[in-house]
C-alpha atoms as a PDB file:
ATOM      1  CA  MET A   1       6.040  31.195   6.947  1.00  0.00           C
ATOM      2  CA  PHE A   2       6.346  27.429   7.561  1.00  0.00           C
ATOM      3  CA  CYS A   3       7.187  24.463   5.277  1.00  0.00           C
ATOM      4  CA  ASN A   4       4.624  21.669   5.918  1.00  0.00           C
ATOM      5  CA  PHE A   5       6.235  19.400   3.572  1.00  0.00           C
ATOM      6  CA  GLY A   6       9.391  18.935   5.525  1.00  0.00           C
ATOM      7  CA  CYS A   7      11.538  21.109   3.343  1.00  0.00           C
ATOM      8  CA  THR A   8      14.551  23.137   4.767  1.00  0.00           C
ATOM      9  CA  THR A   9      13.558  26.895   5.199  1.00  0.00           C
ATOM     10  CA  ASN A  10      16.029  29.752   5.547  1.00  0.00           C
ATOM     11  CA  THR A  11      14.865  30.330   9.214  1.00  0.00           C
ATOM     12  CA  SER A  12      18.213  28.837  10.409  1.00  0.00           C
ATOM     13  CA  LEU A  13      21.122  26.778   9.088  1.00  0.00           C
ATOM     14  CA  THR A  14      21.750  25.545  12.564  1.00  0.00           C
ATOM     15  CA  PHE A  15      21.194  22.026  11.858  1.00  0.00           C
ATOM     16  CA  GLN A  16      22.650  21.828   8.475  1.00  0.00           C
ATOM     17  CA  ASN A  17      26.250  20.781   9.183  1.00  0.00           C
ATOM     18  CA  ARG A  18      25.056  17.921  11.550  1.00  0.00           C
ATOM     19  CA  LEU A  19      22.952  16.512   8.800  1.00  0.00           C
ATOM     20  CA  LYS A  20      25.600  16.540   6.189  1.00  0.00           C
ATOM     21  CA  SER A  21      28.207  14.774   8.387  1.00  0.00           C
ATOM     22  CA  SER A  22      26.114  11.823   9.329  1.00  0.00           C
ATOM     23  CA  PRO A  23      27.384   8.480   7.983  1.00  0.00           C
ATOM     24  CA  GLN A  24      23.740   7.779   7.030  1.00  0.00           C
ATOM     25  CA  PHE A  25      23.556  10.808   4.609  1.00  0.00           C
ATOM     26  CA  TYR A  26      25.313  10.610   1.208  1.00  0.00           C
ATOM     27  CA  ASP A  27      24.414  11.345  -2.098  1.00  0.00           C
ATOM     28  CA  GLY A  28      22.054  14.074  -0.929  1.00  0.00           C
ATOM     29  CA  LYS A  29      19.957  11.971   1.082  1.00  0.00           C
ATOM     30  CA  PHE A  30      19.696   9.471   4.040  1.00  0.00           C
ATOM     31  CA  HIS A  31      19.987   5.799   3.597  1.00  0.00           C
ATOM     32  CA  ASN A  32      19.157   2.592   5.605  1.00  0.00           C
ATOM     33  CA  LYS A  33      22.012   0.220   6.402  1.00  0.00           C
ATOM     34  CA  GLU A  34      20.701  -2.169   3.525  1.00  0.00           C
ATOM     35  CA  ASP A  35      19.574  -0.079   0.613  1.00  0.00           C
ATOM     36  CA  GLY A  36      17.793  -1.492  -2.546  1.00  0.00           C
ATOM     37  CA  ILE A  37      15.194  -3.480  -0.571  1.00  0.00           C
ATOM     38  CA  TYR A  38      12.205  -1.482  -1.068  1.00  0.00           C
ATOM     39  CA  ASP A  39      10.039  -1.919  -4.020  1.00  0.00           C
ATOM     40  CA  ALA A  40       8.401   1.240  -4.353  1.00  0.00           C
ATOM     41  CA  GLY A  41       6.948   0.512  -7.766  1.00  0.00           C
ATOM     42  CA  GLY A  42       5.566  -2.858  -6.621  1.00  0.00           C
ATOM     43  CA  ALA A  43       4.147  -1.105  -3.521  1.00  0.00           C
ATOM     44  CA  TRP A  44       2.421   1.555  -5.473  1.00  0.00           C
ATOM     45  CA  ARG A  45       0.868  -1.157  -8.044  1.00  0.00           C
ATOM     46  CA  ARG A  46      -0.409  -3.053  -5.214  1.00  0.00           C
ATOM     47  CA  ALA A  47      -1.949  -0.094  -3.494  1.00  0.00           C
ATOM     48  CA  LEU A  48      -3.593   1.115  -6.888  1.00  0.00           C
ATOM     49  CA  SER A  49      -4.936  -2.188  -7.329  1.00  0.00           C
ATOM     50  CA  GLU A  50      -6.411  -2.469  -3.991  1.00  0.00           C
ATOM     51  CA  ILE A  51      -8.070   0.946  -4.117  1.00  0.00           C
ATOM     52  CA  PHE A  52      -9.697   0.405  -7.663  1.00  0.00           C
ATOM     53  CA  PHE A  53     -10.257  -3.250  -7.774  1.00  0.00           C
ATOM     54  CA  GLY A  54      -9.922  -4.525  -4.106  1.00  0.00           C
ATOM     55  CA  ILE A  55     -12.884  -5.593  -1.915  1.00  0.00           C
ATOM     56  CA  ARG A  56     -12.258  -4.510   1.607  1.00  0.00           C
ATOM     57  CA  VAL A  57     -13.317  -6.275   4.724  1.00  0.00           C
ATOM     58  CA  ASP A  58     -13.956  -4.163   7.962  1.00  0.00           C
ATOM     59  CA  PRO A  59     -11.375  -1.446   7.318  1.00  0.00           C
ATOM     60  CA  VAL A  60     -13.040   0.657  10.151  1.00  0.00           C
ATOM     61  CA  PRO A  61     -14.716  -0.151  13.186  1.00  0.00           C
ATOM     62  CA  GLU A  62     -18.719  -0.121  13.150  1.00  0.00           C
ATOM     63  CA  GLN A  63     -18.714   1.757  16.246  1.00  0.00           C
ATOM     64  CA  GLU A  64     -16.264   4.109  17.926  1.00  0.00           C
ATOM     65  CA  PRO A  65     -13.891   1.969  20.061  1.00  0.00           C
ATOM     66  CA  PRO A  66     -14.090   2.121  23.729  1.00  0.00           C
ATOM     67  CA  ILE A  67     -11.432   4.398  25.433  1.00  0.00           C
ATOM     68  CA  GLN A  68     -10.425   5.312  29.004  1.00  0.00           C
ATOM     69  CA  ARG A  69     -10.540   9.097  29.362  1.00  0.00           C
ATOM     70  CA  PHE A  70      -7.901  10.643  31.707  1.00  0.00           C
ATOM     71  CA  THR A  71      -6.270  13.904  32.843  1.00  0.00           C
ATOM     72  CA  GLY A  72      -2.688  14.941  33.560  1.00  0.00           C
ATOM     73  CA  THR A  73      -3.551  14.768  37.443  1.00  0.00           C
ATOM     74  CA  ASP A  74      -4.632  11.097  36.949  1.00  0.00           C
ATOM     75  CA  PHE A  75      -1.399  10.243  35.008  1.00  0.00           C
ATOM     76  CA  TYR A  76       1.522  11.848  36.916  1.00  0.00           C
ATOM     77  CA  LYS A  77       2.725  10.394  40.175  1.00  0.00           C
ATOM     78  CA  ASN A  78       5.629  11.837  42.144  1.00  0.00           C
ATOM     79  CA  ASP A  79       7.817   8.878  42.009  1.00  0.00           C
ATOM     80  CA  GLU A  80      11.327   8.853  40.745  1.00  0.00           C
ATOM     81  CA  LYS A  81      11.300   4.993  40.158  1.00  0.00           C
ATOM     82  CA  LEU A  82       8.053   4.634  38.669  1.00  0.00           C
ATOM     83  CA  LEU A  83       7.346   3.645  34.962  1.00  0.00           C
ATOM     84  CA  ARG A  84       3.799   3.996  33.603  1.00  0.00           C
ATOM     85  CA  PHE A  85       2.317   4.638  30.193  1.00  0.00           C
ATOM     86  CA  SER A  86      -0.755   5.353  28.564  1.00  0.00           C
ATOM     87  CA  ARG A  87      -1.683   4.842  24.704  1.00  0.00           C
ATOM     88  CA  LEU A  88      -3.269   7.773  23.263  1.00  0.00           C
ATOM     89  CA  GLY A  89      -3.677   6.314  19.687  1.00  0.00           C
ATOM     90  CA  HIS A  90      -1.670   5.004  16.839  1.00  0.00           C
ATOM     91  CA  SER A  91       2.047   5.361  17.938  1.00  0.00           C
ATOM     92  CA  SER A  92       1.325   8.125  20.467  1.00  0.00           C
ATOM     93  CA  ILE A  93       2.417   7.343  23.937  1.00  0.00           C
ATOM     94  CA  LEU A  94       2.452   9.182  27.137  1.00  0.00           C
ATOM     95  CA  ILE A  95       5.272   7.786  29.404  1.00  0.00           C
ATOM     96  CA  GLN A  96       6.314   8.430  32.859  1.00  0.00           C
ATOM     97  CA  LEU A  97       9.836   7.298  33.521  1.00  0.00           C
ATOM     98  CA  GLY A  98      12.462   8.993  35.793  1.00  0.00           C
ATOM     99  CA  ASN A  99       9.858  11.183  37.359  1.00  0.00           C
ATOM    100  CA  LYS A 100       9.653  12.985  33.956  1.00  0.00           C
ATOM    101  CA  ILE A 101       7.037  12.583  31.313  1.00  0.00           C
ATOM    102  CA  TRP A 102       7.636  11.695  27.696  1.00  0.00           C
ATOM    103  CA  LEU A 103       5.597  11.778  24.773  1.00  0.00           C
ATOM    104  CA  THR A 104       6.044   9.902  21.273  1.00  0.00           C
ATOM    105  CA  ASP A 105       4.984  11.002  17.947  1.00  0.00           C
ATOM    106  CA  PRO A 106       2.056  12.930  19.144  1.00  0.00           C
ATOM    107  CA  ILE A 107      -0.937  12.799  16.862  1.00  0.00           C
ATOM    108  CA  PHE A 108      -4.164  14.600  18.162  1.00  0.00           C
ATOM    109  CA  SER A 109      -5.572  15.662  14.946  1.00  0.00           C
ATOM    110  CA  GLU A 110      -8.849  14.403  13.427  1.00  0.00           C
ATOM    111  CA  ARG A 111      -6.860  13.299  10.339  1.00  0.00           C
ATOM    112  CA  VAL A 112      -3.330  12.342   9.293  1.00  0.00           C
ATOM    113  CA  SER A 113      -2.774  14.537   6.277  1.00  0.00           C
ATOM    114  CA  ILE A 114      -1.751  17.776   4.714  1.00  0.00           C
ATOM    115  CA  TYR A 115      -5.166  18.887   4.858  1.00  0.00           C
ATOM    116  CA  GLN A 116      -7.932  18.170   7.826  1.00  0.00           C
ATOM    117  CA  TRP A 117     -10.519  17.249   5.264  1.00  0.00           C
ATOM    118  CA  LEU A 118      -8.459  14.844   3.507  1.00  0.00           C
ATOM    119  CA  GLY A 119      -6.981  11.590   4.684  1.00  0.00           C
ATOM    120  CA  PRO A 120      -7.462   8.626   7.180  1.00  0.00           C
ATOM    121  CA  LYS A 121      -9.918   9.681  10.007  1.00  0.00           C
ATOM    122  CA  ARG A 122      -9.477   8.622  13.497  1.00  0.00           C
ATOM    123  CA  PHE A 123     -11.539   5.746  14.801  1.00  0.00           C
ATOM    124  CA  HIS A 124     -11.788   7.366  18.309  1.00  0.00           C
ATOM    125  CA  PRO A 125     -11.022  10.574  19.951  1.00  0.00           C
ATOM    126  CA  ALA A 126      -7.583  11.034  21.868  1.00  0.00           C
ATOM    127  CA  PRO A 127      -8.193   9.862  25.662  1.00  0.00           C
ATOM    128  CA  ILE A 128      -6.745  13.322  26.820  1.00  0.00           C
ATOM    129  CA  LYS A 129      -7.083  16.894  25.545  1.00  0.00           C
ATOM    130  CA  ILE A 130      -3.688  18.693  24.735  1.00  0.00           C
ATOM    131  CA  GLU A 131      -4.788  21.198  27.592  1.00  0.00           C
ATOM    132  CA  GLU A 132      -5.322  18.565  30.052  1.00  0.00           C
ATOM    133  CA  LEU A 133      -1.735  17.128  29.419  1.00  0.00           C
ATOM    134  CA  PRO A 134       0.931  17.512  32.243  1.00  0.00           C
ATOM    135  CA  THR A 135       4.090  19.502  31.305  1.00  0.00           C
ATOM    136  CA  ILE A 136       5.927  17.292  28.946  1.00  0.00           C
ATOM    137  CA  ASP A 137       9.543  16.944  29.600  1.00  0.00           C
ATOM    138  CA  GLY A 138      10.323  15.551  26.192  1.00  0.00           C
ATOM    139  CA  VAL A 139       8.543  14.864  22.915  1.00  0.00           C
ATOM    140  CA  LEU A 140      10.470  12.206  20.826  1.00  0.00           C
ATOM    141  CA  ILE A 141       9.494  12.112  17.159  1.00  0.00           C
ATOM    142  CA  SER A 142      10.662   9.068  15.024  1.00  0.00           C
ATOM    143  CA  HIS A 143      10.245  10.496  11.702  1.00  0.00           C
ATOM    144  CA  ASN A 144       8.339  13.235   9.633  1.00  0.00           C
ATOM    145  CA  HIS A 145       5.430  10.990   7.870  1.00  0.00           C
ATOM    146  CA  TYR A 146       2.192  12.640   8.599  1.00  0.00           C
ATOM    147  CA  ASP A 147       1.003  10.201  11.048  1.00  0.00           C
ATOM    148  CA  HIS A 148       4.064  10.573  13.379  1.00  0.00           C
ATOM    149  CA  LEU A 149       4.777  14.378  12.764  1.00  0.00           C
ATOM    150  CA  ASP A 150       1.477  16.536  12.907  1.00  0.00           C
ATOM    151  CA  HIS A 151       1.788  20.092  12.320  1.00  0.00           C
ATOM    152  CA  ASP A 152      -1.459  21.014  14.223  1.00  0.00           C
ATOM    153  CA  SER A 153      -0.669  19.002  17.102  1.00  0.00           C
ATOM    154  CA  ILE A 154       2.965  20.501  17.496  1.00  0.00           C
ATOM    155  CA  MET A 155       1.513  24.002  17.266  1.00  0.00           C
ATOM    156  CA  LYS A 156      -0.790  23.218  20.090  1.00  0.00           C
ATOM    157  CA  LEU A 157       2.059  21.405  22.085  1.00  0.00           C
ATOM    158  CA  LYS A 158       5.116  23.663  21.637  1.00  0.00           C
ATOM    159  CA  ASP A 159       4.447  25.831  24.692  1.00  0.00           C
ATOM    160  CA  LYS A 160       3.674  22.804  26.774  1.00  0.00           C
ATOM    161  CA  VAL A 161       6.785  21.028  25.843  1.00  0.00           C
ATOM    162  CA  LYS A 162      10.177  21.577  27.670  1.00  0.00           C
ATOM    163  CA  HIS A 163      12.117  20.042  24.838  1.00  0.00           C
ATOM    164  CA  PHE A 164      11.841  17.963  21.413  1.00  0.00           C
ATOM    165  CA  TYR A 165      14.119  15.224  20.359  1.00  0.00           C
ATOM    166  CA  VAL A 166      14.220  14.714  16.815  1.00  0.00           C
ATOM    167  CA  PRO A 167      16.245  12.657  14.133  1.00  0.00           C
ATOM    168  CA  LEU A 168      18.545  14.514  11.983  1.00  0.00           C
ATOM    169  CA  GLY A 169      16.927  17.137   9.525  1.00  0.00           C
ATOM    170  CA  LEU A 170      13.777  17.781  11.574  1.00  0.00           C
ATOM    171  CA  GLY A 171      15.189  20.692  13.553  1.00  0.00           C
ATOM    172  CA  ASN A 172      14.449  23.253  10.678  1.00  0.00           C
ATOM    173  CA  ILE A 173      10.972  21.898  10.212  1.00  0.00           C
ATOM    174  CA  LEU A 174      10.071  22.576  14.077  1.00  0.00           C
ATOM    175  CA  LEU A 175      11.863  25.921  13.614  1.00  0.00           C
ATOM    176  CA  SER A 176       9.761  27.006  10.769  1.00  0.00           C
ATOM    177  CA  TRP A 177       6.696  26.125  12.931  1.00  0.00           C
ATOM    178  CA  GLY A 178       7.710  28.424  15.732  1.00  0.00           C
ATOM    179  CA  VAL A 179       9.536  25.948  18.063  1.00  0.00           C
ATOM    180  CA  GLN A 180      12.419  27.795  19.836  1.00  0.00           C
ATOM    181  CA  VAL A 181      15.990  26.519  18.726  1.00  0.00           C
ATOM    182  CA  GLU A 182      16.976  26.125  22.331  1.00  0.00           C
ATOM    183  CA  LYS A 183      14.170  23.587  22.634  1.00  0.00           C
ATOM    184  CA  ILE A 184      15.259  21.212  19.766  1.00  0.00           C
ATOM    185  CA  THR A 185      17.971  18.577  19.974  1.00  0.00           C
ATOM    186  CA  GLU A 186      18.724  16.414  16.797  1.00  0.00           C
ATOM    187  CA  LEU A 187      20.231  13.158  17.067  1.00  0.00           C
ATOM    188  CA  ASP A 188      21.814  10.678  14.718  1.00  0.00           C
ATOM    189  CA  TRP A 189      21.821   6.953  15.252  1.00  0.00           C
ATOM    190  CA  TRP A 190      23.612   5.889  18.412  1.00  0.00           C
ATOM    191  CA  GLU A 191      23.616   9.314  19.701  1.00  0.00           C
ATOM    192  CA  SER A 192      22.247   9.873  23.381  1.00  0.00           C
ATOM    193  CA  ARG A 193      21.596  12.750  25.792  1.00  0.00           C
ATOM    194  CA  LYS A 194      21.165  12.488  29.537  1.00  0.00           C
ATOM    195  CA  ILE A 195      18.459  14.488  31.257  1.00  0.00           C
ATOM    196  CA  GLU A 196      19.312  14.014  34.925  1.00  0.00           C
ATOM    197  CA  ASN A 197      18.643  10.439  35.752  1.00  0.00           C
ATOM    198  CA  VAL A 198      17.064   9.580  31.954  1.00  0.00           C
ATOM    199  CA  GLU A 199      19.107   8.609  29.170  1.00  0.00           C
ATOM    200  CA  LEU A 200      17.387   9.098  25.674  1.00  0.00           C
ATOM    201  CA  VAL A 201      19.255   6.994  22.725  1.00  0.00           C
ATOM    202  CA  SER A 202      18.456   7.652  19.021  1.00  0.00           C
ATOM    203  CA  THR A 203      18.775   4.109  17.770  1.00  0.00           C
ATOM    204  CA  PRO A 204      18.584   2.671  14.062  1.00  0.00           C
ATOM    205  CA  ALA A 205      15.278   1.911  12.269  1.00  0.00           C
ATOM    206  CA  GLN A 206      14.672   0.500   8.800  1.00  0.00           C
ATOM    207  CA  HIS A 207      12.328   3.137   7.072  1.00  0.00           C
ATOM    208  CA  PHE A 208      12.096   6.274   4.824  1.00  0.00           C
ATOM    209  CA  SER A 209      10.863   9.851   5.258  1.00  0.00           C
ATOM    210  CA  GLY A 210       9.016  12.367   3.062  1.00  0.00           C
ATOM    211  CA  ARG A 211       6.218  14.638   3.299  1.00  0.00           C
ATOM    212  CA  GLY A 212       5.800  15.392  -0.225  1.00  0.00           C
ATOM    213  CA  PHE A 213       6.775  14.170  -3.933  1.00  0.00           C
ATOM    214  CA  PHE A 214      10.337  15.755  -3.824  1.00  0.00           C
ATOM    215  CA  ASP A 215      11.650  15.545  -0.293  1.00  0.00           C
ATOM    216  CA  GLY A 216      12.276  11.918  -0.029  1.00  0.00           C
ATOM    217  CA  ALA A 217      14.995  10.729   2.468  1.00  0.00           C
ATOM    218  CA  GLU A 218      15.861  14.422   3.405  1.00  0.00           C
ATOM    219  CA  THR A 219      15.491  13.711   6.887  1.00  0.00           C
ATOM    220  CA  LEU A 220      16.506  10.845   9.127  1.00  0.00           C
ATOM    221  CA  TRP A 221      13.941   8.193  10.640  1.00  0.00           C
ATOM    222  CA  THR A 222      14.784   6.565  14.001  1.00  0.00           C
ATOM    223  CA  SER A 223      13.650   4.445  17.075  1.00  0.00           C
ATOM    224  CA  TRP A 224      14.121   5.311  20.632  1.00  0.00           C
ATOM    225  CA  VAL A 225      15.532   3.893  23.951  1.00  0.00           C
ATOM    226  CA  ILE A 226      14.426   5.589  27.199  1.00  0.00           C
ATOM    227  CA  ARG A 227      16.119   4.442  30.268  1.00  0.00           C
ATOM    228  CA  THR A 228      17.218   5.082  33.808  1.00  0.00           C
ATOM    229  CA  PRO A 229      18.971   2.950  36.331  1.00  0.00           C
ATOM    230  CA  GLN A 230      15.605   1.222  37.315  1.00  0.00           C
ATOM    231  CA  HIS A 231      13.900   0.579  33.981  1.00  0.00           C
ATOM    232  CA  SER A 232      14.166   0.854  30.119  1.00  0.00           C
ATOM    233  CA  VAL A 233      11.695   1.040  27.358  1.00  0.00           C
ATOM    234  CA  PHE A 234      12.021   1.019  23.582  1.00  0.00           C
ATOM    235  CA  PHE A 235       9.977   2.631  21.017  1.00  0.00           C
ATOM    236  CA  SER A 236      10.162   1.589  17.447  1.00  0.00           C
ATOM    237  CA  GLY A 237       8.489   4.141  15.340  1.00  0.00           C
ATOM    238  CA  ASP A 238       8.004   2.724  11.844  1.00  0.00           C
ATOM    239  CA  THR A 239      10.242   0.082  10.711  1.00  0.00           C
ATOM    240  CA  GLY A 240      10.923  -3.082   8.784  1.00  0.00           C
ATOM    241  CA  TYR A 241      12.596  -5.854  10.418  1.00  0.00           C
ATOM    242  CA  PHE A 242      16.463  -5.482  10.415  1.00  0.00           C
ATOM    243  CA  ASP A 243      19.390  -6.865  11.909  1.00  0.00           C
ATOM    244  CA  GLY A 244      19.655  -3.596  13.922  1.00  0.00           C
ATOM    245  CA  PHE A 245      17.337  -4.936  16.429  1.00  0.00           C
ATOM    246  CA  LYS A 246      19.938  -7.526  17.652  1.00  0.00           C
ATOM    247  CA  LYS A 247      22.544  -4.706  18.004  1.00  0.00           C
ATOM    248  CA  ILE A 248      20.071  -2.495  19.734  1.00  0.00           C
ATOM    249  CA  GLY A 249      19.053  -5.502  22.209  1.00  0.00           C
ATOM    250  CA  GLY A 250      22.735  -6.075  22.816  1.00  0.00           C
ATOM    251  CA  ARG A 251      23.529  -2.621  23.827  1.00  0.00           C
ATOM    252  CA  TYR A 252      20.523  -1.611  25.727  1.00  0.00           C
ATOM    253  CA  GLY A 253      18.334  -4.528  26.496  1.00  0.00           C
ATOM    254  CA  PRO A 254      16.332  -5.958  28.241  1.00  0.00           C
ATOM    255  CA  PHE A 255      13.388  -3.551  28.043  1.00  0.00           C
ATOM    256  CA  ASP A 256      10.528  -3.463  30.644  1.00  0.00           C
ATOM    257  CA  PHE A 257       8.104  -2.247  28.013  1.00  0.00           C
ATOM    258  CA  THR A 258       8.839  -2.766  24.127  1.00  0.00           C
ATOM    259  CA  PHE A 259       6.635  -0.746  22.013  1.00  0.00           C
ATOM    260  CA  LEU A 260       6.744  -2.215  18.542  1.00  0.00           C
ATOM    261  CA  GLU A 261       5.087  -1.561  15.458  1.00  0.00           C
ATOM    262  CA  CYS A 262       2.271  -3.825  14.402  1.00  0.00           C
ATOM    263  CA  GLY A 263      -0.364  -2.494  12.148  1.00  0.00           C
ATOM    264  CA  GLY A 264      -0.644  -0.663   8.981  1.00  0.00           C
ATOM    265  CA  TYR A 265       1.187  -3.414   7.157  1.00  0.00           C
ATOM    266  CA  ASP A 266       1.221  -5.219   3.829  1.00  0.00           C
ATOM    267  CA  ASP A 267       3.486  -7.865   2.488  1.00  0.00           C
ATOM    268  CA  SER A 268       4.674  -5.406  -0.291  1.00  0.00           C
ATOM    269  CA  TRP A 269       5.679  -2.877   2.340  1.00  0.00           C
ATOM    270  CA  ARG A 270       7.488  -5.617   4.581  1.00  0.00           C
ATOM    271  CA  SER A 271      10.928  -4.234   4.071  1.00  0.00           C
ATOM    272  CA  MET A 272       9.752  -0.994   5.705  1.00  0.00           C
ATOM    273  CA  HIS A 273       6.672  -1.880   7.770  1.00  0.00           C
ATOM    274  CA  MET A 274       6.664  -5.249  10.067  1.00  0.00           C
ATOM    275  CA  MET A 275       4.358  -8.175   9.606  1.00  0.00           C
ATOM    276  CA  PRO A 276       3.246  -9.535  12.937  1.00  0.00           C
ATOM    277  CA  ASP A 277       5.732 -12.418  12.730  1.00  0.00           C
ATOM    278  CA  ASP A 278       8.361  -9.518  12.231  1.00  0.00           C
ATOM    279  CA  THR A 279       7.297  -7.894  15.283  1.00  0.00           C
ATOM    280  CA  LEU A 280       8.010 -11.037  17.215  1.00  0.00           C
ATOM    281  CA  LYS A 281      11.241 -11.579  16.083  1.00  0.00           C
ATOM    282  CA  ALA A 282      12.259  -7.836  16.703  1.00  0.00           C
ATOM    283  CA  PHE A 283      10.848  -8.364  20.188  1.00  0.00           C
ATOM    284  CA  ASN A 284      13.076 -11.420  20.872  1.00  0.00           C
ATOM    285  CA  ASP A 285      16.052  -9.494  19.367  1.00  0.00           C
ATOM    286  CA  LEU A 286      15.533  -6.703  21.638  1.00  0.00           C
ATOM    287  CA  LYS A 287      15.278  -8.850  24.685  1.00  0.00           C
ATOM    288  CA  GLY A 288      12.069  -7.583  25.569  1.00  0.00           C
ATOM    289  CA  LYS A 289       9.841  -8.452  28.631  1.00  0.00           C
ATOM    290  CA  ILE A 290       6.609  -7.260  27.644  1.00  0.00           C
ATOM    291  CA  LEU A 291       5.401  -6.428  24.392  1.00  0.00           C
ATOM    292  CA  VAL A 292       3.034  -3.515  23.519  1.00  0.00           C
ATOM    293  CA  PRO A 293       2.084  -3.615  19.814  1.00  0.00           C
ATOM    294  CA  ILE A 294       1.406  -0.078  18.329  1.00  0.00           C
ATOM    295  CA  HIS A 295       0.611   1.789  15.140  1.00  0.00           C
ATOM    296  CA  ASN A 296      -3.045   0.071  15.277  1.00  0.00           C
ATOM    297  CA  GLY A 297      -6.436   0.631  16.368  1.00  0.00           C
ATOM    298  CA  THR A 298      -6.728   4.415  15.395  1.00  0.00           C
ATOM    299  CA  PHE A 299      -6.467   4.972  11.755  1.00  0.00           C
ATOM    300  CA  ASP A 300      -7.024   2.853   8.474  1.00  0.00           C
ATOM    301  CA  MET A 301      -3.626   3.035   6.862  1.00  0.00           C
ATOM    302  CA  ALA A 302      -3.455  -0.208   5.108  1.00  0.00           C
ATOM    303  CA  PHE A 303      -5.678  -2.879   3.299  1.00  0.00           C
ATOM    304  CA  HIS A 304      -6.113  -5.450   6.351  1.00  0.00           C
ATOM    305  CA  PRO A 305      -9.164  -5.615   8.604  1.00  0.00           C
ATOM    306  CA  TRP A 306      -8.735  -2.697  11.311  1.00  0.00           C
ATOM    307  CA  TYR A 307      -8.447  -5.473  14.065  1.00  0.00           C
ATOM    308  CA  GLU A 308      -6.384  -7.819  12.190  1.00  0.00           C
ATOM    309  CA  PRO A 309      -3.082  -6.704  13.774  1.00  0.00           C
ATOM    310  CA  MET A 310      -4.136  -7.223  17.353  1.00  0.00           C
ATOM    311  CA  GLU A 311      -5.795 -10.719  16.538  1.00  0.00           C
ATOM    312  CA  ASN A 312      -2.714 -12.041  14.795  1.00  0.00           C
ATOM    313  CA  ILE A 313      -0.085 -10.771  17.082  1.00  0.00           C
ATOM    314  CA  MET A 314      -2.143 -12.355  19.961  1.00  0.00           C
ATOM    315  CA  LYS A 315      -2.359 -15.625  18.419  1.00  0.00           C
ATOM    316  CA  LEU A 316       1.283 -15.680  17.614  1.00  0.00           C
ATOM    317  CA  SER A 317       2.524 -14.434  20.957  1.00  0.00           C
ATOM    318  CA  LYS A 318       0.472 -17.077  22.649  1.00  0.00           C
ATOM    319  CA  GLU A 319       2.381 -19.763  20.529  1.00  0.00           C
ATOM    320  CA  GLU A 320       5.565 -18.248  21.550  1.00  0.00           C
ATOM    321  CA  LYS A 321       4.507 -17.764  25.123  1.00  0.00           C
ATOM    322  CA  ILE A 322       5.458 -13.938  24.831  1.00  0.00           C
ATOM    323  CA  GLN A 323       3.786 -11.711  27.297  1.00  0.00           C
ATOM    324  CA  THR A 324       1.670  -9.151  25.199  1.00  0.00           C
ATOM    325  CA  LEU A 325      -0.255  -6.247  26.355  1.00  0.00           C
ATOM    326  CA  PHE A 326      -3.188  -4.875  24.702  1.00  0.00           C
ATOM    327  CA  PRO A 327      -4.469  -1.847  26.872  1.00  0.00           C
ATOM    328  CA  PHE A 328      -7.543   0.317  26.082  1.00  0.00           C
ATOM    329  CA  MET A 329      -6.683   3.627  24.535  1.00  0.00           C
ATOM    330  CA  GLY A 330      -6.072   5.874  27.373  1.00  0.00           C
ATOM    331  CA  GLN A 331      -5.782   2.997  30.196  1.00  0.00           C
ATOM    332  CA  ILE A 332      -2.906   3.922  32.596  1.00  0.00           C
ATOM    333  CA  VAL A 333      -0.677   0.956  32.912  1.00  0.00           C
ATOM    334  CA  ASP A 334       1.933   0.888  35.764  1.00  0.00           C
ATOM    335  CA  ILE A 335       4.825  -1.472  35.857  1.00  0.00           C
ATOM    336  CA  ASN A 336       4.275  -2.582  39.321  1.00  0.00           C
ATOM    337  CA  ASN A 337       0.482  -3.624  38.513  1.00  0.00           C
ATOM    338  CA  VAL A 338       0.438  -4.944  34.875  1.00  0.00           C
ATOM    339  CA  PRO A 339      -3.099  -5.724  33.863  1.00  0.00           C
ATOM    340  CA  LYS A 340      -4.379  -8.745  31.903  1.00  0.00           C
ATOM    341  CA  SER A 341      -5.016  -8.081  28.258  1.00  0.00           C
ATOM    342  CA  VAL A 342      -8.633  -7.577  27.063  1.00  0.00           C
ATOM    343  CA  ARG A 343      -9.791  -8.481  23.399  1.00  0.00           C
ATOM    344  CA  TRP A 344     -11.371  -4.921  23.580  1.00  0.00           C
ATOM    345  CA  TRP A 345     -11.767  -4.764  19.840  1.00  0.00           C
ATOM    346  CA  GLU A 346     -14.207  -7.638  20.147  1.00  0.00           C
ATOM    347  CA  LEU A 347     -16.497  -5.914  22.954  1.00  0.00           C
ATOM    348  CA  PHE A 348     -18.466  -3.800  20.390  1.00  0.00           C
ATOM    349  CA  THR A 349     -17.837  -4.089  16.861  1.00  0.00           C
ATOM    350  CA  ASN A 350     -17.096  -5.968  13.471  1.00  0.00           C
ATOM    351  CA  ALA A 351     -14.320  -8.012  14.909  1.00  0.00           C
ATOM    352  CA  ARG A 352     -14.745 -11.835  14.509  1.00  0.00           C
END
């Protein structure tokens, strides 16, 4: 038996006490540092208005976006000091750091939904198949929304992954999906784990959680720092802009690659999903070196044209002289040989 809506099952009570002792957990749910800033009613009204009365402009590409297919052999190089990554789509990133392989928010399914016949459909296939992946030392999950925690992907990955690192409350979800308890570590904000020369840190985010109508904020949301003595990266997951970025940058910055949400946004969701100018503010707060915008280019999850996030962040980053990277999905990027950005969304499609 499994619970696909993210509720706690009776499979194990291993993680319950940790959840309840968290400073973020009170009144029966998790909270952001600044509560009461998200106008859920206004967001729903805006969404319904767009759905029934809005005129969409280029919500999806006219053609399948170009990707660069690769295999695990192509990706992994035996070098402890190497830092490289490949975007697999949306917020899924394959990273080699500390001679280990890390994977964030893996989504390999055709759609992000409880059902594979419903919900946003991929613009492009994943550039690598699950069976082609190298052994994954750690999967890092940011929160339990369907476009970040995908049941079918976890089911196919669980025997290929050495360990899962998740925010509080997600342990029992993975247990109910058949992941072994010894392969799961739950972390609260500012908690860390050391895996040989790699340190993983669960850092704050400003977002929310829930997979159904009645489980809102029952599990935590988080961002991640992955670092070694040589290199460091930041992965935002989903988040609005907040002063926590300055604290993270002060403790753990600078970052070689800063993977920050920029896509699937709307002004009425701004407290929980960053707009492009928010992304740049967060990058500066984090003391980033190279910005890699994520949460874009794979699914239609908002009301803007599908290519708008890349266009807007490119324009703003040029104005502020911030080095911003837009790799093809599947392109392998090495810290020692960072490629020039290509406006790949203009090569084939309705982007203007």
